[in-house]
Amino acid sequence: MGGLGFEERLNSFKTLGKILETWAVGPIPNKVQVAFDQAMADNPWFTERWIRFSFKGLAWFLSEEALNRWAASNPSGFGVPKKVGNVALVLAGNIPAVGFADIFYVLMSGHRALIKYASRDKALLSFLLQELSQLEPSWKEQFSEATTPLKDFDGVIVTGNADTARTLDHYFRAYPRIVRGHRQSVAVLTGLENHKELEGLALDMVAHFGLGCRNVTMLLVPKDYDFGHLAETLEAYKDEFLQHHRFKNNYDYQKTLLLLNRIPHYAAGPLLLVPSENTLAPVSVVHYTTYENHTKVFSFLESHTSNIQAVVSAAPWVPGAVSPGKAQFPEPGDYADGVNVAEFLASLQGHQNILHLRSE
């Protein structure tokens, strides 16, 4: 990469993180507004509020402290591949700039990124890469938009839903690969949460209209849990969400199904709380189930591991839990699906061929 070393690459991302932090909360330049407007035109689920929220999450991801912790955890020599390869990235588009982490990992590994954008989330990612290249022009040599058919790559990272994951895992079976399906997140409540913790949990539930894999769509609550305080906290989002026509259509459809099938449910702000042990829930619905002891919680989490992206809880006895309000703020070491992308990239050897990948 033109002699650019690992630390120099890391520093350019740190600088980008500081810029994103200002754009997340303050006035933005015209070029950023243009990118926002294009992103919202491409994907009606994207609003300026949640695009800025994504930028806030990326600023956290690229903070100096987070990047230093991640760099220290990588084996010696990471970022200096024996052979520079091409890594194809088939990205999702469910929330703003959702594929940024995978692009970061590939660029930091010293490999080149061949990016197949999701058509509904191209504007923000291409804009961010343009900004990165302005900070360090050498980056321009390290990424390009993937062609169709997809060709000349050494490994592939794919993110999709459950059905496409199975199909693409078979499709790319001859290649080193990471194939991710759809996951959602779970929260374990004790009934002792304070107002700040409930506010954080509400954000974890509603961010991006619930479309992300780190959104909480399943609650584990004690028997006879009172949802009143949580519902009051969620009320702050009700008007905004029910004025969004796509979300409102989902809400009305799900509520109608529940009423027709006489399924008990609890209206909590813009969400419908429904008893179920299914961790995956449709837009506007959050499932819940009760527990009587810690053993049942541990058993539930273990049996649903393959469907859970993150566990949110303020309870100290819940292993590996993320604090309420932090579900959408992973660090670089919080690899999606628990698969260490850095190790995968470090293991790649030459393996080039051509595959025909249909356009989205």
Protein backbone atom coordinates (compact mmCIF):
# COMPACT_ATOMS: atom_id res chain seq x y z
CA MET A 1 0.00 0.00 0.00
CA GLY A 2 2.59 2.50 -1.09
CA GLY A 3 4.62 1.89 2.08
CA LEU A 4 1.82 2.95 4.43
CA GLY A 5 2.34 1.01 7.65
CA PHE A 6 -0.17 -0.44 10.10
CA GLU A 7 0.08 2.47 12.54
CA GLU A 8 -0.36 5.01 9.75
CA ARG A 9 -3.46 3.18 8.54
CA LEU A 10 -4.80 3.06 12.07
CA ASN A 11 -4.18 6.77 12.56
CA SER A 12 -6.11 7.68 9.42
CA PHE A 13 -9.13 5.80 10.78
CA LYS A 14 -8.74 7.57 14.13
CA THR A 15 -8.87 10.90 12.33
CA LEU A 16 -11.97 9.82 10.42
CA GLY A 17 -13.57 8.83 13.72
CA LYS A 18 -13.04 12.33 15.13
CA ILE A 19 -14.63 13.86 12.05
CA LEU A 20 -17.63 11.54 12.28
CA GLU A 21 -18.09 12.49 15.92
CA THR A 22 -18.62 16.12 14.93
CA TRP A 23 -21.00 15.19 12.09
CA ALA A 24 -23.05 12.97 14.39
CA VAL A 25 -24.16 15.76 16.72
CA GLY A 26 -23.40 19.16 15.20
CA PRO A 27 -23.88 21.21 12.03
CA ILE A 28 -22.73 19.37 8.92
CA PRO A 29 -21.07 20.61 5.73
CA ASN A 30 -23.06 20.65 2.52
CA LYS A 31 -21.22 17.59 1.15
CA VAL A 32 -22.40 15.58 4.16
CA GLN A 33 -25.98 16.75 3.73
CA VAL A 34 -25.84 15.70 0.08
CA ALA A 35 -24.73 12.21 1.15
CA PHE A 36 -27.50 12.09 3.78
CA ASP A 37 -30.13 13.15 1.23
CA GLN A 38 -28.98 10.53 -1.28
CA ALA A 39 -29.00 7.82 1.40
CA MET A 40 -32.53 8.75 2.45
CA ALA A 41 -33.68 8.75 -1.17
CA ASP A 42 -32.17 5.29 -1.71
CA ASN A 43 -33.66 3.80 1.45
CA PRO A 44 -36.91 5.12 2.98
CA TRP A 45 -36.00 3.49 6.31
CA PHE A 46 -33.03 5.85 6.66
CA THR A 47 -33.79 9.14 8.39
CA GLU A 48 -31.34 11.86 9.32
CA ARG A 49 -31.77 11.03 13.01
CA TRP A 50 -30.67 7.43 12.55
CA ILE A 51 -27.96 8.24 10.01
CA ARG A 52 -26.42 10.58 12.57
CA PHE A 53 -26.85 7.85 15.18
CA SER A 54 -24.90 5.46 12.91
CA PHE A 55 -22.15 8.05 12.58
CA LYS A 56 -22.07 8.31 16.37
CA GLY A 57 -21.63 4.54 16.54
CA LEU A 58 -18.86 4.64 13.94
CA ALA A 59 -17.12 7.42 15.87
CA TRP A 60 -17.18 5.14 18.92
CA PHE A 61 -15.89 2.22 16.82
CA LEU A 62 -13.04 4.40 15.50
CA SER A 63 -12.19 6.10 18.78
CA GLU A 64 -8.52 6.10 19.73
CA GLU A 65 -9.14 3.96 22.81
CA ALA A 66 -11.20 1.35 20.95
CA LEU A 67 -8.76 1.11 18.05
CA ASN A 68 -5.77 0.81 20.36
CA ARG A 69 -7.45 -2.02 22.28
CA TRP A 70 -8.24 -3.82 19.03
CA ALA A 71 -4.72 -3.33 17.62
CA ALA A 72 -3.17 -4.68 20.82
CA SER A 73 -5.31 -7.83 20.60
CA ASN A 74 -4.15 -8.78 17.11
CA PRO A 75 -1.23 -11.16 16.59
CA SER A 76 2.16 -9.80 15.69
CA GLY A 77 2.41 -9.21 11.98
CA PHE A 78 -1.30 -8.64 11.38
CA GLY A 79 -1.68 -6.09 8.62
CA VAL A 80 1.42 -7.26 6.76
CA PRO A 81 0.14 -10.12 4.57
CA LYS A 82 2.68 -12.36 2.85
CA LYS A 83 0.59 -11.92 -0.26
CA VAL A 84 -1.79 -9.02 -0.74
CA GLY A 85 -5.13 -10.51 -1.77
CA ASN A 86 -8.53 -9.34 -2.87
CA VAL A 87 -11.36 -9.81 -0.40
CA ALA A 88 -14.88 -9.61 -1.78
CA LEU A 89 -17.43 -7.99 0.52
CA VAL A 90 -21.11 -8.62 -0.18
CA LEU A 91 -22.74 -6.08 2.10
CA ALA A 92 -26.15 -5.77 3.70
CA GLY A 93 -28.17 -2.54 3.61
CA ASN A 94 -30.55 -2.80 6.55
CA ILE A 95 -29.14 0.13 8.57
CA PRO A 96 -26.97 3.11 7.56
CA ALA A 97 -23.34 2.26 6.72
CA VAL A 98 -23.80 -1.25 8.15
CA GLY A 99 -20.92 -2.70 6.10
CA PHE A 100 -18.30 -0.25 7.33
CA ALA A 101 -16.75 -2.60 9.89
CA ASP A 102 -15.93 -5.25 7.29
CA ILE A 103 -14.38 -2.64 5.01
CA PHE A 104 -12.29 -1.43 7.96
CA TYR A 105 -11.03 -4.93 8.76
CA VAL A 106 -10.00 -5.63 5.16
CA LEU A 107 -8.22 -2.31 4.73
CA MET A 108 -6.40 -2.67 8.06
CA SER A 109 -5.33 -6.21 7.12
CA GLY A 110 -3.36 -4.92 4.14
CA HIS A 111 -5.60 -6.71 1.64
CA ARG A 112 -7.71 -5.00 -1.00
CA ALA A 113 -11.49 -4.70 -0.64
CA LEU A 114 -13.77 -5.55 -3.57
CA ILE A 115 -17.05 -4.07 -2.40
CA LYS A 116 -20.47 -5.16 -3.61
CA TYR A 117 -22.64 -2.50 -2.04
CA ALA A 118 -26.27 -3.05 -1.23
CA SER A 119 -28.12 -0.68 -3.58
CA ARG A 120 -30.02 0.76 -0.59
CA ASP A 121 -26.85 1.61 1.35
CA LYS A 122 -24.23 2.70 -1.14
CA ALA A 123 -24.30 6.48 -0.74
CA LEU A 124 -22.99 6.65 2.83
CA LEU A 125 -20.28 4.01 2.48
CA SER A 126 -18.91 5.41 -0.76
CA PHE A 127 -18.92 8.87 0.82
CA LEU A 128 -17.01 7.64 3.88
CA LEU A 129 -14.40 5.95 1.69
CA GLN A 130 -14.02 9.15 -0.28
CA GLU A 131 -13.41 11.05 2.95
CA LEU A 132 -10.89 8.43 4.08
CA SER A 133 -9.05 8.79 0.77
CA GLN A 134 -8.85 12.53 1.22
CA LEU A 135 -7.16 11.96 4.58
CA GLU A 136 -4.74 9.45 3.03
CA PRO A 137 -4.69 9.23 -0.81
CA SER A 138 -2.98 5.81 -0.70
CA TRP A 139 -6.30 4.28 0.35
CA LYS A 140 -7.62 4.70 -3.20
CA GLU A 141 -5.47 1.77 -4.27
CA GLN A 142 -6.97 -0.52 -1.65
CA PHE A 143 -10.66 -0.64 -2.51
CA SER A 144 -12.92 -0.76 -5.54
CA GLU A 145 -16.51 -1.54 -6.34
CA ALA A 146 -16.94 -5.19 -7.24
CA THR A 147 -17.85 -6.03 -10.80
CA THR A 148 -20.58 -8.40 -11.89
CA PRO A 149 -19.64 -11.20 -12.35
CA LEU A 150 -17.56 -11.17 -9.18
CA LYS A 151 -14.01 -12.19 -10.10
CA ASP A 152 -10.39 -12.30 -9.00
CA PHE A 153 -10.81 -12.63 -5.26
CA ASP A 154 -9.11 -14.68 -2.57
CA GLY A 155 -11.83 -14.78 0.07
CA VAL A 156 -15.30 -13.44 0.67
CA ILE A 157 -17.35 -12.02 3.53
CA VAL A 158 -21.10 -12.10 3.01
CA THR A 159 -23.89 -10.69 5.17
CA GLY A 160 -27.53 -11.48 4.44
CA ASN A 161 -30.68 -12.96 5.86
CA ALA A 162 -31.12 -16.59 6.89
CA ASP A 163 -32.24 -17.77 3.45
CA THR A 164 -29.57 -15.97 1.43
CA ALA A 165 -26.89 -17.04 3.91
CA ARG A 166 -27.57 -20.71 3.24
CA THR A 167 -27.65 -20.14 -0.50
CA LEU A 168 -24.48 -18.07 -0.58
CA ASP A 169 -22.60 -20.40 1.76
CA HIS A 170 -23.13 -23.11 -0.86
CA TYR A 171 -22.42 -20.69 -3.70
CA PHE A 172 -19.03 -19.69 -2.28
CA ARG A 173 -18.19 -23.16 -0.95
CA ALA A 174 -14.89 -23.32 -2.88
CA TYR A 175 -13.54 -20.18 -1.24
CA PRO A 176 -12.37 -19.11 2.21
CA ARG A 177 -15.44 -17.32 3.51
CA ILE A 178 -17.44 -15.82 6.32
CA VAL A 179 -21.18 -16.02 5.68
CA ARG A 180 -23.49 -14.37 8.18
CA GLY A 181 -27.23 -14.88 8.45
CA HIS A 182 -29.78 -12.78 10.28
CA ARG A 183 -29.52 -12.37 14.05
CA GLN A 184 -31.14 -10.12 16.61
CA SER A 185 -30.40 -9.32 20.23
CA VAL A 186 -31.81 -10.21 23.63
CA ALA A 187 -32.16 -8.30 26.90
CA VAL A 188 -32.30 -9.84 30.37
CA LEU A 189 -34.27 -7.71 32.86
CA THR A 190 -34.52 -8.10 36.62
CA GLY A 191 -37.15 -5.48 37.45
CA LEU A 192 -34.52 -3.46 39.34
CA GLU A 193 -33.44 -1.33 36.36
CA ASN A 194 -33.31 2.40 37.01
CA HIS A 195 -34.71 5.07 34.68
CA LYS A 196 -31.40 5.60 32.86
CA GLU A 197 -31.05 1.87 32.21
CA LEU A 198 -34.61 1.68 30.88
CA GLU A 199 -33.92 4.64 28.61
CA GLY A 200 -30.86 2.82 27.29
CA LEU A 201 -32.84 -0.36 26.75
CA ALA A 202 -35.55 1.55 24.90
CA LEU A 203 -32.91 2.94 22.54
CA ASP A 204 -31.52 -0.57 22.00
CA MET A 205 -35.03 -1.67 21.01
CA VAL A 206 -36.04 1.16 18.69
CA ALA A 207 -32.80 2.34 17.03
CA HIS A 208 -33.05 2.16 13.23
CA PHE A 209 -36.71 1.15 13.62
CA GLY A 210 -35.52 -2.21 14.99
CA LEU A 211 -33.93 -3.32 11.71
CA GLY A 212 -30.40 -4.02 12.97
CA CYS A 213 -28.92 -7.27 14.24
CA ARG A 214 -27.97 -5.50 17.48
CA ASN A 215 -31.54 -4.34 18.10
CA VAL A 216 -33.18 -5.98 21.12
CA THR A 217 -36.17 -7.96 19.86
CA MET A 218 -36.46 -10.39 22.78
CA LEU A 219 -36.88 -9.69 26.50
CA LEU A 220 -36.30 -12.19 29.31
CA VAL A 221 -38.22 -10.90 32.31
CA PRO A 222 -39.00 -12.22 35.81
CA LYS A 223 -42.38 -13.78 36.40
CA ASP A 224 -45.03 -11.08 37.01
CA TYR A 225 -42.75 -8.38 35.57
CA ASP A 226 -44.45 -4.96 35.33
CA PHE A 227 -43.94 -3.49 31.85
CA GLY A 228 -45.37 -0.12 32.89
CA HIS A 229 -42.10 1.74 33.42
CA LEU A 230 -40.56 0.41 30.20
CA ALA A 231 -43.72 1.34 28.28
CA GLU A 232 -43.56 4.87 29.66
CA THR A 233 -39.97 5.17 28.48
CA LEU A 234 -40.83 3.90 25.00
CA GLU A 235 -43.67 6.41 24.73
CA ALA A 236 -41.13 9.10 23.76
CA TYR A 237 -40.68 7.39 20.37
CA LYS A 238 -44.35 6.76 19.59
CA ASP A 239 -45.24 9.87 17.57
CA GLU A 240 -42.07 9.79 15.48
CA PHE A 241 -42.37 6.11 14.64
CA LEU A 242 -46.09 6.02 13.90
CA GLN A 243 -45.67 8.98 11.55
CA HIS A 244 -43.17 6.97 9.50
CA HIS A 245 -45.40 5.32 6.92
CA ARG A 246 -43.39 2.12 6.49
CA PHE A 247 -43.11 1.51 10.20
CA LYS A 248 -46.80 2.39 10.68
CA ASN A 249 -47.81 -0.11 8.00
CA ASN A 250 -45.85 -2.84 9.79
CA TYR A 251 -47.32 -1.85 13.16
CA ASP A 252 -50.90 -1.88 11.87
CA TYR A 253 -50.39 -5.23 10.13
CA GLN A 254 -48.87 -6.91 13.18
CA LYS A 255 -51.49 -5.48 15.52
CA THR A 256 -54.27 -6.71 13.23
CA LEU A 257 -52.78 -10.23 13.21
CA LEU A 258 -52.56 -10.24 16.99
CA LEU A 259 -56.16 -9.09 17.37
CA LEU A 260 -57.54 -11.53 14.78
CA ASN A 261 -55.69 -14.44 16.37
CA ARG A 262 -56.54 -13.26 19.89
CA ILE A 263 -52.89 -13.30 20.91
CA PRO A 264 -52.27 -11.38 24.14
CA HIS A 265 -49.93 -8.43 23.72
CA TYR A 266 -48.88 -5.21 25.37
CA ALA A 267 -48.69 -1.88 23.52
CA ALA A 268 -45.54 -0.06 24.63
CA GLY A 269 -45.01 3.19 22.78
CA PRO A 270 -44.41 2.27 19.11
CA LEU A 271 -43.82 -1.41 19.91
CA LEU A 272 -46.00 -4.45 20.48
CA LEU A 273 -44.75 -6.74 23.24
CA VAL A 274 -45.79 -10.31 22.49
CA PRO A 275 -45.21 -13.49 24.54
CA SER A 276 -42.96 -15.84 22.57
CA GLU A 277 -39.64 -17.65 22.90
CA ASN A 278 -38.63 -16.77 19.34
CA THR A 279 -35.67 -14.38 19.42
CA LEU A 280 -36.44 -13.17 15.88
CA ALA A 281 -39.32 -10.72 15.64
CA PRO A 282 -40.86 -8.70 12.80
CA VAL A 283 -40.62 -4.91 12.63
CA SER A 284 -42.64 -3.21 15.42
CA VAL A 285 -42.77 -6.41 17.55
CA VAL A 286 -40.63 -7.38 20.53
CA HIS A 287 -41.06 -10.83 22.05
CA TYR A 288 -40.80 -11.64 25.73
CA THR A 289 -40.68 -14.68 27.95
CA THR A 290 -40.49 -15.10 31.71
CA TYR A 291 -37.94 -16.82 33.92
CA GLU A 292 -38.02 -17.97 37.54
CA ASN A 293 -34.31 -18.43 38.15
CA HIS A 294 -30.90 -17.76 36.66
CA THR A 295 -30.60 -21.30 35.36
CA LYS A 296 -33.50 -20.78 32.97
CA VAL A 297 -31.86 -17.62 31.65
CA PHE A 298 -28.56 -19.38 31.04
CA SER A 299 -30.34 -22.30 29.37
CA PHE A 300 -32.32 -19.98 27.09
CA LEU A 301 -29.26 -18.02 26.01
CA GLU A 302 -27.29 -21.18 25.32
CA SER A 303 -30.05 -22.80 23.27
CA HIS A 304 -30.51 -19.68 21.13
CA THR A 305 -26.84 -18.81 20.63
CA SER A 306 -27.00 -19.12 16.84
CA ASN A 307 -29.74 -16.48 16.63
CA ILE A 308 -28.36 -13.96 19.16
CA GLN A 309 -26.00 -11.15 18.20
CA ALA A 310 -25.72 -9.44 21.60
CA VAL A 311 -27.10 -9.81 25.11
CA VAL A 312 -28.09 -6.61 26.92
CA SER A 313 -28.42 -6.46 30.70
CA ALA A 314 -27.54 -4.39 33.73
CA ALA A 315 -27.45 -7.54 35.86
CA PRO A 316 -23.87 -8.50 36.85
CA TRP A 317 -24.69 -12.21 36.76
CA VAL A 318 -25.45 -12.25 33.00
CA PRO A 319 -22.22 -13.35 31.24
CA GLY A 320 -20.86 -11.17 28.46
CA ALA A 321 -23.74 -8.71 28.65
CA VAL A 322 -23.66 -5.24 27.10
CA SER A 323 -24.92 -2.38 29.26
CA PRO A 324 -28.35 -0.99 28.28
CA GLY A 325 -27.93 1.75 25.69
CA LYS A 326 -24.66 0.31 24.34
CA ALA A 327 -25.98 -2.38 22.01
CA GLN A 328 -25.46 -0.18 18.94
CA PHE A 329 -21.93 0.77 19.96
CA PRO A 330 -19.68 -2.24 19.33
CA GLU A 331 -15.91 -1.88 19.33
CA PRO A 332 -13.71 -3.40 16.60
CA GLY A 333 -13.11 -6.47 18.76
CA ASP A 334 -16.86 -7.17 19.02
CA TYR A 335 -16.95 -9.25 15.87
CA ALA A 336 -20.36 -9.95 14.33
CA ASP A 337 -21.57 -13.51 15.05
CA GLY A 338 -18.47 -13.97 17.23
CA VAL A 339 -16.31 -14.74 14.18
CA ASN A 340 -12.86 -13.15 14.39
CA VAL A 341 -12.54 -11.38 11.05
CA ALA A 342 -8.91 -10.36 11.71
CA GLU A 343 -7.87 -14.00 12.09
CA PHE A 344 -9.78 -14.93 8.93
CA LEU A 345 -8.05 -12.21 6.92
CA ALA A 346 -4.63 -13.12 8.30
CA SER A 347 -5.14 -16.71 7.11
CA LEU A 348 -5.95 -15.92 3.47
CA GLN A 349 -3.74 -17.34 0.74
CA GLY A 350 -3.97 -16.92 -3.02
CA HIS A 351 -7.21 -18.45 -4.32
CA GLN A 352 -8.51 -16.55 -7.35
CA ASN A 353 -11.34 -17.51 -9.65
CA ILE A 354 -14.54 -16.13 -11.14
CA LEU A 355 -18.07 -16.42 -9.81
CA HIS A 356 -21.25 -15.04 -11.35
CA LEU A 357 -23.08 -12.97 -8.74
CA ARG A 358 -26.36 -11.47 -9.81
CA SER A 359 -26.89 -7.79 -9.17
CA GLU A 360 -29.25 -6.86 -6.36
